[in-house]
N, C-alpha and C. Protein backbone atom coordinates (compact mmCIF):
# COMPACT_ATOMS: atom_id res chain seq x y z
N UNK A 1 0.82 -1.19 0.00
CA UNK A 1 0.00 0.00 0.00
C UNK A 1 0.86 1.25 0.00
N UNK A 2 1.98 1.26 0.71
CA UNK A 2 2.86 2.42 0.75
C UNK A 2 3.47 2.72 -0.61
N UNK A 3 3.87 1.64 -1.35
CA UNK A 3 4.47 1.87 -2.66
C UNK A 3 3.42 2.37 -3.66
N UNK A 4 2.17 1.97 -3.47
CA UNK A 4 1.08 2.46 -4.33
C UNK A 4 0.89 3.97 -4.13
N UNK A 5 0.97 4.41 -2.86
CA UNK A 5 0.84 5.83 -2.55
C UNK A 5 1.96 6.62 -3.21
N UNK A 6 3.19 6.12 -3.12
CA UNK A 6 4.34 6.80 -3.72
C UNK A 6 4.18 6.83 -5.23
N UNK A 7 3.73 5.74 -5.81
CA UNK A 7 3.53 5.67 -7.26
C UNK A 7 2.48 6.69 -7.70
N UNK A 8 1.36 6.78 -6.98
CA UNK A 8 0.31 7.75 -7.31
C UNK A 8 0.82 9.18 -7.15
N UNK A 9 1.64 9.40 -6.11
CA UNK A 9 2.20 10.72 -5.89
C UNK A 9 3.05 11.14 -7.07
N UNK A 10 3.92 10.25 -7.54
CA UNK A 10 4.78 10.60 -8.67
C UNK A 10 4.00 10.80 -9.95
N UNK A 11 2.92 10.03 -10.14
CA UNK A 11 2.08 10.21 -11.32
C UNK A 11 1.41 11.59 -11.27
N UNK A 12 0.86 11.95 -10.09
CA UNK A 12 0.23 13.26 -9.95
C UNK A 12 1.25 14.38 -10.14
N UNK A 13 2.44 14.20 -9.61
CA UNK A 13 3.50 15.19 -9.76
C UNK A 13 3.85 15.37 -11.23
N UNK A 14 3.98 14.25 -11.95
CA UNK A 14 4.31 14.31 -13.37
C UNK A 14 3.20 15.02 -14.15
N UNK A 15 1.95 14.74 -13.82
CA UNK A 15 0.84 15.40 -14.50
C UNK A 15 0.90 16.91 -14.28
N UNK A 16 1.16 17.35 -13.03
CA UNK A 16 1.24 18.78 -12.74
C UNK A 16 2.42 19.43 -13.44
N UNK A 17 3.53 18.72 -13.53
CA UNK A 17 4.69 19.27 -14.23
C UNK A 17 4.36 19.47 -15.70
N UNK A 18 3.68 18.50 -16.29
CA UNK A 18 3.30 18.61 -17.70
C UNK A 18 2.31 19.76 -17.90
N UNK A 19 1.33 19.88 -17.00
CA UNK A 19 0.34 20.96 -17.12
C UNK A 19 1.03 22.32 -17.03
N UNK A 20 1.92 22.49 -16.05
CA UNK A 20 2.63 23.76 -15.90
C UNK A 20 3.50 24.03 -17.13
N UNK A 21 4.16 23.00 -17.65
CA UNK A 21 5.01 23.16 -18.82
C UNK A 21 4.18 23.58 -20.04
N UNK A 22 3.01 22.99 -20.20
CA UNK A 22 2.14 23.35 -21.33
C UNK A 22 1.67 24.80 -21.19
N UNK A 23 1.25 25.18 -19.99
CA UNK A 23 0.81 26.56 -19.77
C UNK A 23 1.96 27.53 -20.04
N UNK A 24 3.15 27.20 -19.55
CA UNK A 24 4.33 28.03 -19.78
C UNK A 24 4.60 28.15 -21.27
N UNK A 25 4.52 27.04 -21.99
CA UNK A 25 4.77 27.05 -23.43
C UNK A 25 3.77 27.90 -24.18
N UNK A 26 2.50 27.80 -23.81
CA UNK A 26 1.46 28.60 -24.47
C UNK A 26 1.69 30.09 -24.19
N UNK A 27 1.99 30.42 -22.95
CA UNK A 27 2.24 31.81 -22.61
C UNK A 27 3.46 32.35 -23.34
N UNK A 28 4.45 31.53 -23.49
CA UNK A 28 5.68 31.95 -24.17
C UNK A 28 5.41 32.18 -25.65
N UNK A 29 4.69 31.23 -26.26
CA UNK A 29 4.41 31.32 -27.70
C UNK A 29 3.55 32.54 -28.03
N UNK A 30 2.62 32.87 -27.14
CA UNK A 30 1.72 33.99 -27.41
C UNK A 30 2.31 35.34 -26.99
N UNK A 31 3.48 35.34 -26.40
CA UNK A 31 4.14 36.57 -26.02
C UNK A 31 3.71 37.14 -24.67
N UNK A 32 2.92 36.38 -23.94
CA UNK A 32 2.44 36.87 -22.65
C UNK A 32 3.56 36.97 -21.62
N UNK A 33 4.53 36.07 -21.69
CA UNK A 33 5.65 36.13 -20.74
C UNK A 33 6.49 37.38 -20.97
N UNK A 34 6.66 37.76 -22.22
CA UNK A 34 7.41 38.99 -22.53
C UNK A 34 6.66 40.21 -22.01
N UNK A 35 5.34 40.22 -22.17
CA UNK A 35 4.53 41.33 -21.65
C UNK A 35 4.65 41.40 -20.13
N UNK A 36 4.63 40.25 -19.47
CA UNK A 36 4.76 40.22 -18.01
C UNK A 36 6.13 40.73 -17.58
N UNK A 37 7.18 40.31 -18.28
CA UNK A 37 8.53 40.77 -17.95
C UNK A 37 8.65 42.28 -18.14
N UNK A 38 8.07 42.81 -19.21
CA UNK A 38 8.09 44.26 -19.43
C UNK A 38 7.32 45.00 -18.34
N UNK A 39 6.19 44.45 -17.94
CA UNK A 39 5.39 45.06 -16.89
C UNK A 39 6.18 45.12 -15.57
N UNK A 40 6.82 44.02 -15.22
CA UNK A 40 7.61 43.97 -13.98
C UNK A 40 8.76 44.97 -14.05
N UNK A 41 9.43 45.04 -15.18
CA UNK A 41 10.55 45.98 -15.34
C UNK A 41 10.08 47.42 -15.22
N UNK A 42 8.97 47.76 -15.88
CA UNK A 42 8.44 49.12 -15.81
C UNK A 42 7.99 49.46 -14.39
N UNK A 43 7.42 48.49 -13.70
CA UNK A 43 7.00 48.71 -12.32
C UNK A 43 8.20 48.99 -11.42
N UNK A 44 9.27 48.24 -11.62
CA UNK A 44 10.49 48.47 -10.84
C UNK A 44 11.02 49.89 -11.07
N UNK A 45 11.02 50.31 -12.33
CA UNK A 45 11.52 51.65 -12.66
C UNK A 45 10.65 52.73 -12.02
N UNK A 46 9.34 52.55 -12.03
CA UNK A 46 8.44 53.54 -11.43
C UNK A 46 8.61 53.59 -9.91
N UNK A 47 8.81 52.42 -9.29
CA UNK A 47 8.98 52.38 -7.84
C UNK A 47 10.28 53.05 -7.41
N UNK A 48 11.28 53.05 -8.26
CA UNK A 48 12.54 53.74 -7.94
C UNK A 48 12.34 55.26 -7.89
N UNK A 49 11.34 55.76 -8.62
CA UNK A 49 11.06 57.19 -8.66
C UNK A 49 10.30 57.66 -7.42
N UNK A 50 9.70 56.74 -6.70
CA UNK A 50 8.88 57.11 -5.53
C UNK A 50 9.76 57.53 -4.37
N UNK A 51 9.22 58.41 -3.55
CA UNK A 51 9.88 58.76 -2.29
C UNK A 51 9.13 58.03 -1.18
N UNK A 52 9.85 57.24 -0.43
CA UNK A 52 9.23 56.42 0.60
C UNK A 52 9.40 57.10 1.95
N UNK A 53 8.40 56.99 2.83
CA UNK A 53 8.51 57.63 4.14
C UNK A 53 9.55 56.93 5.02
N UNK A 54 10.11 57.71 5.93
CA UNK A 54 11.08 57.13 6.86
C UNK A 54 10.33 56.41 7.98
N UNK A 55 11.08 55.70 8.79
CA UNK A 55 10.49 54.97 9.91
C UNK A 55 9.82 55.94 10.87
N UNK A 56 10.46 57.06 11.14
CA UNK A 56 9.88 58.05 12.05
C UNK A 56 8.57 58.62 11.51
N UNK A 57 8.48 58.80 10.20
CA UNK A 57 7.24 59.30 9.60
C UNK A 57 6.11 58.28 9.66
N UNK A 58 6.45 57.02 9.77
CA UNK A 58 5.43 55.97 9.80
C UNK A 58 4.93 55.66 11.20
N UNK A 59 5.68 56.05 12.23
CA UNK A 59 5.30 55.68 13.60
C UNK A 59 3.95 56.26 14.00
N UNK A 60 3.72 57.54 13.72
CA UNK A 60 2.45 58.17 14.10
C UNK A 60 1.24 57.53 13.45
N UNK A 61 1.20 57.43 12.13
CA UNK A 61 0.04 56.80 11.48
C UNK A 61 -0.14 55.33 11.90
N UNK A 62 0.96 54.64 12.16
CA UNK A 62 0.85 53.24 12.59
C UNK A 62 0.16 53.16 13.94
N UNK A 63 0.50 54.05 14.84
CA UNK A 63 -0.15 54.06 16.16
C UNK A 63 -1.62 54.42 16.04
N UNK A 64 -1.94 55.35 15.15
CA UNK A 64 -3.34 55.72 14.95
C UNK A 64 -4.13 54.50 14.47
N UNK A 65 -3.61 53.78 13.51
CA UNK A 65 -4.29 52.60 13.00
C UNK A 65 -4.41 51.54 14.09
N UNK A 66 -3.34 51.32 14.84
CA UNK A 66 -3.34 50.31 15.89
C UNK A 66 -4.40 50.62 16.94
N UNK A 67 -4.45 51.86 17.41
CA UNK A 67 -5.43 52.23 18.43
C UNK A 67 -6.85 52.26 17.86
N UNK A 68 -7.00 52.61 16.60
CA UNK A 68 -8.32 52.58 15.97
C UNK A 68 -8.86 51.16 15.89
N UNK A 69 -8.02 50.24 15.49
CA UNK A 69 -8.44 48.84 15.41
C UNK A 69 -8.75 48.30 16.80
N UNK A 70 -7.92 48.64 17.77
CA UNK A 70 -8.15 48.20 19.14
C UNK A 70 -9.46 48.78 19.67
N UNK A 71 -9.70 50.07 19.43
CA UNK A 71 -10.94 50.70 19.89
C UNK A 71 -12.16 50.10 19.23
N UNK A 72 -12.08 49.86 17.92
CA UNK A 72 -13.21 49.26 17.21
C UNK A 72 -13.47 47.85 17.72
N UNK A 73 -12.41 47.11 17.99
CA UNK A 73 -12.57 45.76 18.53
C UNK A 73 -13.23 45.78 19.89
N UNK A 74 -12.78 46.69 20.78
CA UNK A 74 -13.39 46.78 22.11
C UNK A 74 -14.85 47.23 22.02
N UNK A 75 -15.15 48.15 21.12
CA UNK A 75 -16.52 48.59 20.91
C UNK A 75 -17.40 47.42 20.45
N UNK A 76 -16.88 46.63 19.53
CA UNK A 76 -17.64 45.48 19.02
C UNK A 76 -17.90 44.47 20.14
N UNK A 77 -16.89 44.20 20.95
CA UNK A 77 -17.06 43.27 22.07
C UNK A 77 -18.09 43.81 23.06
N UNK A 78 -18.02 45.11 23.37
CA UNK A 78 -18.96 45.70 24.32
C UNK A 78 -20.39 45.64 23.81
N UNK A 79 -20.61 45.99 22.56
CA UNK A 79 -21.96 45.94 21.98
C UNK A 79 -22.45 44.50 21.95
N UNK A 80 -21.60 43.56 21.59
CA UNK A 80 -21.98 42.16 21.57
C UNK A 80 -22.39 41.70 22.97
N UNK A 81 -21.62 42.09 23.98
CA UNK A 81 -21.91 41.70 25.36
C UNK A 81 -23.24 42.30 25.81
N UNK A 82 -23.48 43.58 25.49
CA UNK A 82 -24.74 44.22 25.87
C UNK A 82 -25.93 43.56 25.18
N UNK A 83 -25.78 43.23 23.91
CA UNK A 83 -26.87 42.55 23.20
C UNK A 83 -27.11 41.16 23.77
N UNK A 84 -26.05 40.49 24.18
CA UNK A 84 -26.20 39.18 24.81
C UNK A 84 -27.00 39.30 26.10
N UNK A 85 -26.65 40.29 26.93
CA UNK A 85 -27.41 40.50 28.17
C UNK A 85 -28.87 40.83 27.88
N UNK A 86 -29.09 41.65 26.86
CA UNK A 86 -30.47 42.02 26.49
C UNK A 86 -31.26 40.80 26.05
N UNK A 87 -30.69 39.99 25.19
CA UNK A 87 -31.39 38.81 24.69
C UNK A 87 -31.62 37.81 25.81
N UNK A 88 -30.65 37.62 26.69
CA UNK A 88 -30.83 36.72 27.83
C UNK A 88 -31.94 37.24 28.75
N UNK A 89 -31.99 38.56 28.92
CA UNK A 89 -33.05 39.14 29.76
C UNK A 89 -34.42 38.94 29.19
N UNK A 90 -34.54 39.03 27.87
CA UNK A 90 -35.84 38.84 27.21
C UNK A 90 -36.27 37.38 27.28
N UNK A 91 -35.32 36.48 27.04
CA UNK A 91 -35.67 35.05 26.96
C UNK A 91 -35.69 34.36 28.30
N UNK A 92 -35.28 35.03 29.38
CA UNK A 92 -35.23 34.37 30.69
C UNK A 92 -36.60 34.18 31.28
N UNK A 93 -37.55 35.02 30.93
CA UNK A 93 -38.89 34.94 31.54
C UNK A 93 -39.82 34.09 30.77
């Protein structure tokens, strides 16, 4: 049974390799890989032109996001707890 599993694994692996190779071949023949390579190269060039914020510039907005998410989470928990108490109060009688 163990050798059957290994045999099936290698057959499935071979099938996937063939499928990927066929897809790669089709993309290559139709010029899609060249378009993708050009897109990646142009993106790299555009990103080099960007000015990125420093670590100090990111600290403030990061804290704002962190506390906003924390506050929203606590608000959600509080409202959920209050609704639970309300529903239990209605259904208790």
